Amino acid sequence: MSDPLLTDRLGAVLDALERIPDRFDGIEAPTDFLATKQGVDRMDAICMVLIAAGEALKQIDRK
């Protein structure tokens, strides 16, 4: 994988991971994720970002 492409992919992963703390606004305890539909939606969003970041890093590792 070329260096500019690697830099772009790592930058995209970093950007996605940096959005996670914003998704925790209003979450004080783990049970807050399950207390409301909005909490579940936040948990889903955080999990999807983590899954996507992991998949992107696996793709980089394979190349």
N, C-alpha and C. Protein backbone atom coordinates (compact mmCIF):
# COMPACT_ATOMS: atom_id res chain seq x y z
N MET A 1 0.86 -1.17 0.00
CA MET A 1 0.00 0.00 0.00
C MET A 1 0.90 1.23 0.00
N SER A 2 0.56 2.18 -0.85
CA SER A 2 1.39 3.39 -0.94
C SER A 2 1.22 4.25 0.31
N ASP A 3 2.24 5.02 0.61
CA ASP A 3 2.20 5.85 1.82
C ASP A 3 1.05 6.85 1.84
N PRO A 4 0.76 7.56 0.72
CA PRO A 4 -0.38 8.49 0.78
C PRO A 4 -1.72 7.78 1.04
N LEU A 5 -1.89 6.62 0.46
CA LEU A 5 -3.13 5.87 0.68
C LEU A 5 -3.21 5.39 2.13
N LEU A 6 -2.10 4.92 2.65
CA LEU A 6 -2.05 4.49 4.04
C LEU A 6 -2.36 5.66 4.97
N THR A 7 -1.77 6.79 4.69
CA THR A 7 -2.01 7.99 5.50
C THR A 7 -3.48 8.39 5.45
N ASP A 8 -4.08 8.33 4.28
CA ASP A 8 -5.50 8.68 4.13
C ASP A 8 -6.39 7.71 4.93
N ARG A 9 -6.11 6.43 4.82
CA ARG A 9 -6.93 5.44 5.53
C ARG A 9 -6.78 5.57 7.04
N LEU A 10 -5.55 5.75 7.50
CA LEU A 10 -5.34 5.92 8.94
C LEU A 10 -6.00 7.21 9.43
N GLY A 11 -5.95 8.25 8.61
CA GLY A 11 -6.62 9.51 8.96
C GLY A 11 -8.12 9.33 9.08
N ALA A 12 -8.71 8.57 8.17
CA ALA A 12 -10.15 8.32 8.22
C ALA A 12 -10.52 7.52 9.47
N VAL A 13 -9.70 6.54 9.82
CA VAL A 13 -9.94 5.76 11.03
C VAL A 13 -9.85 6.66 12.26
N LEU A 14 -8.82 7.49 12.30
CA LEU A 14 -8.65 8.40 13.43
C LEU A 14 -9.82 9.37 13.55
N ASP A 15 -10.27 9.92 12.43
CA ASP A 15 -11.42 10.84 12.45
C ASP A 15 -12.65 10.15 13.03
N ALA A 16 -12.89 8.92 12.60
CA ALA A 16 -14.05 8.18 13.10
C ALA A 16 -13.93 7.92 14.61
N LEU A 17 -12.75 7.51 15.04
CA LEU A 17 -12.56 7.22 16.47
C LEU A 17 -12.66 8.47 17.33
N GLU A 18 -12.25 9.60 16.78
CA GLU A 18 -12.32 10.85 17.55
C GLU A 18 -13.76 11.33 17.75
N ARG A 19 -14.70 10.82 16.97
CA ARG A 19 -16.11 11.18 17.14
C ARG A 19 -16.77 10.41 18.28
N ILE A 20 -16.16 9.34 18.72
CA ILE A 20 -16.78 8.50 19.75
C ILE A 20 -17.04 9.25 21.05
N PRO A 21 -16.09 10.03 21.58
CA PRO A 21 -16.39 10.72 22.85
C PRO A 21 -17.64 11.60 22.79
N ASP A 22 -17.91 12.20 21.63
CA ASP A 22 -19.12 13.02 21.49
C ASP A 22 -20.39 12.18 21.66
N ARG A 23 -20.32 10.92 21.27
CA ARG A 23 -21.47 10.04 21.38
C ARG A 23 -21.76 9.65 22.83
N PHE A 24 -20.79 9.86 23.71
CA PHE A 24 -20.97 9.54 25.13
C PHE A 24 -21.60 10.68 25.92
N ASP A 25 -21.85 11.83 25.28
CA ASP A 25 -22.48 12.94 26.00
C ASP A 25 -23.79 12.48 26.63
N GLY A 26 -23.94 12.74 27.91
CA GLY A 26 -25.16 12.37 28.62
C GLY A 26 -25.16 10.96 29.18
N ILE A 27 -24.15 10.19 28.87
CA ILE A 27 -24.05 8.82 29.39
C ILE A 27 -23.21 8.88 30.67
N GLU A 28 -23.84 8.54 31.79
CA GLU A 28 -23.15 8.57 33.08
C GLU A 28 -22.79 7.18 33.58
N ALA A 29 -23.57 6.18 33.17
CA ALA A 29 -23.35 4.81 33.62
C ALA A 29 -23.69 3.86 32.46
N PRO A 30 -23.14 2.67 32.47
CA PRO A 30 -23.45 1.72 31.39
C PRO A 30 -24.94 1.48 31.20
N THR A 31 -25.70 1.53 32.27
CA THR A 31 -27.14 1.28 32.16
C THR A 31 -27.85 2.39 31.38
N ASP A 32 -27.23 3.56 31.27
CA ASP A 32 -27.82 4.65 30.49
C ASP A 32 -28.00 4.27 29.03
N PHE A 33 -27.15 3.39 28.53
CA PHE A 33 -27.28 2.95 27.14
C PHE A 33 -28.57 2.18 26.92
N LEU A 34 -29.04 1.48 27.92
CA LEU A 34 -30.21 0.63 27.77
C LEU A 34 -31.49 1.25 28.31
N ALA A 35 -31.37 2.40 28.96
CA ALA A 35 -32.52 3.02 29.61
C ALA A 35 -33.51 3.64 28.62
N THR A 36 -33.01 4.09 27.47
CA THR A 36 -33.87 4.74 26.49
C THR A 36 -33.51 4.28 25.08
N LYS A 37 -34.41 4.54 24.15
CA LYS A 37 -34.12 4.23 22.75
C LYS A 37 -32.92 5.04 22.26
N GLN A 38 -32.82 6.29 22.70
CA GLN A 38 -31.69 7.13 22.30
C GLN A 38 -30.37 6.55 22.83
N GLY A 39 -30.41 6.00 24.03
CA GLY A 39 -29.21 5.37 24.59
C GLY A 39 -28.78 4.16 23.77
N VAL A 40 -29.75 3.36 23.38
CA VAL A 40 -29.45 2.19 22.55
C VAL A 40 -28.90 2.64 21.20
N ASP A 41 -29.49 3.70 20.63
CA ASP A 41 -28.99 4.23 19.36
C ASP A 41 -27.55 4.71 19.49
N ARG A 42 -27.23 5.35 20.60
CA ARG A 42 -25.85 5.80 20.83
C ARG A 42 -24.90 4.62 20.93
N MET A 43 -25.33 3.59 21.68
CA MET A 43 -24.49 2.41 21.82
C MET A 43 -24.26 1.76 20.45
N ASP A 44 -25.32 1.66 19.65
CA ASP A 44 -25.20 1.11 18.31
C ASP A 44 -24.22 1.92 17.47
N ALA A 45 -24.31 3.24 17.54
CA ALA A 45 -23.43 4.10 16.76
C ALA A 45 -21.97 3.92 17.18
N ILE A 46 -21.73 3.86 18.47
CA ILE A 46 -20.37 3.68 18.96
C ILE A 46 -19.82 2.32 18.52
N CYS A 47 -20.64 1.30 18.64
CA CYS A 47 -20.21 -0.04 18.24
C CYS A 47 -19.90 -0.10 16.74
N MET A 48 -20.73 0.53 15.94
CA MET A 48 -20.50 0.52 14.50
C MET A 48 -19.20 1.23 14.13
N VAL A 49 -18.90 2.32 14.79
CA VAL A 49 -17.63 3.02 14.53
C VAL A 49 -16.46 2.12 14.90
N LEU A 50 -16.55 1.45 16.05
CA LEU A 50 -15.47 0.56 16.48
C LEU A 50 -15.30 -0.61 15.52
N ILE A 51 -16.41 -1.17 15.06
CA ILE A 51 -16.34 -2.28 14.11
C ILE A 51 -15.72 -1.81 12.80
N ALA A 52 -16.18 -0.68 12.29
CA ALA A 52 -15.65 -0.15 11.03
C ALA A 52 -14.16 0.16 11.15
N ALA A 53 -13.75 0.73 12.27
CA ALA A 53 -12.33 1.04 12.47
C ALA A 53 -11.51 -0.25 12.49
N GLY A 54 -12.00 -1.25 13.18
CA GLY A 54 -11.30 -2.53 13.22
C GLY A 54 -11.18 -3.17 11.85
N GLU A 55 -12.24 -3.12 11.09
CA GLU A 55 -12.21 -3.67 9.73
C GLU A 55 -11.24 -2.90 8.84
N ALA A 56 -11.23 -1.59 8.97
CA ALA A 56 -10.31 -0.77 8.17
C ALA A 56 -8.86 -1.09 8.53
N LEU A 57 -8.59 -1.26 9.81
CA LEU A 57 -7.23 -1.60 10.23
C LEU A 57 -6.83 -2.99 9.75
N LYS A 58 -7.78 -3.92 9.73
CA LYS A 58 -7.48 -5.26 9.20
C LYS A 58 -7.14 -5.17 7.71
N GLN A 59 -7.86 -4.34 6.97
CA GLN A 59 -7.58 -4.16 5.55
C GLN A 59 -6.18 -3.61 5.34
N ILE A 60 -5.79 -2.66 6.17
CA ILE A 60 -4.45 -2.07 6.06
C ILE A 60 -3.41 -3.14 6.37
N ASP A 61 -3.66 -3.94 7.40
CA ASP A 61 -2.71 -4.97 7.80
C ASP A 61 -2.52 -6.02 6.71
N ARG A 62 -3.58 -6.33 5.98
CA ARG A 62 -3.51 -7.34 4.92
C ARG A 62 -2.70 -6.86 3.72
N LYS A 63 -2.66 -5.55 3.52
CA LYS A 63 -1.97 -5.02 2.35
C LYS A 63 -0.59 -4.64 2.76
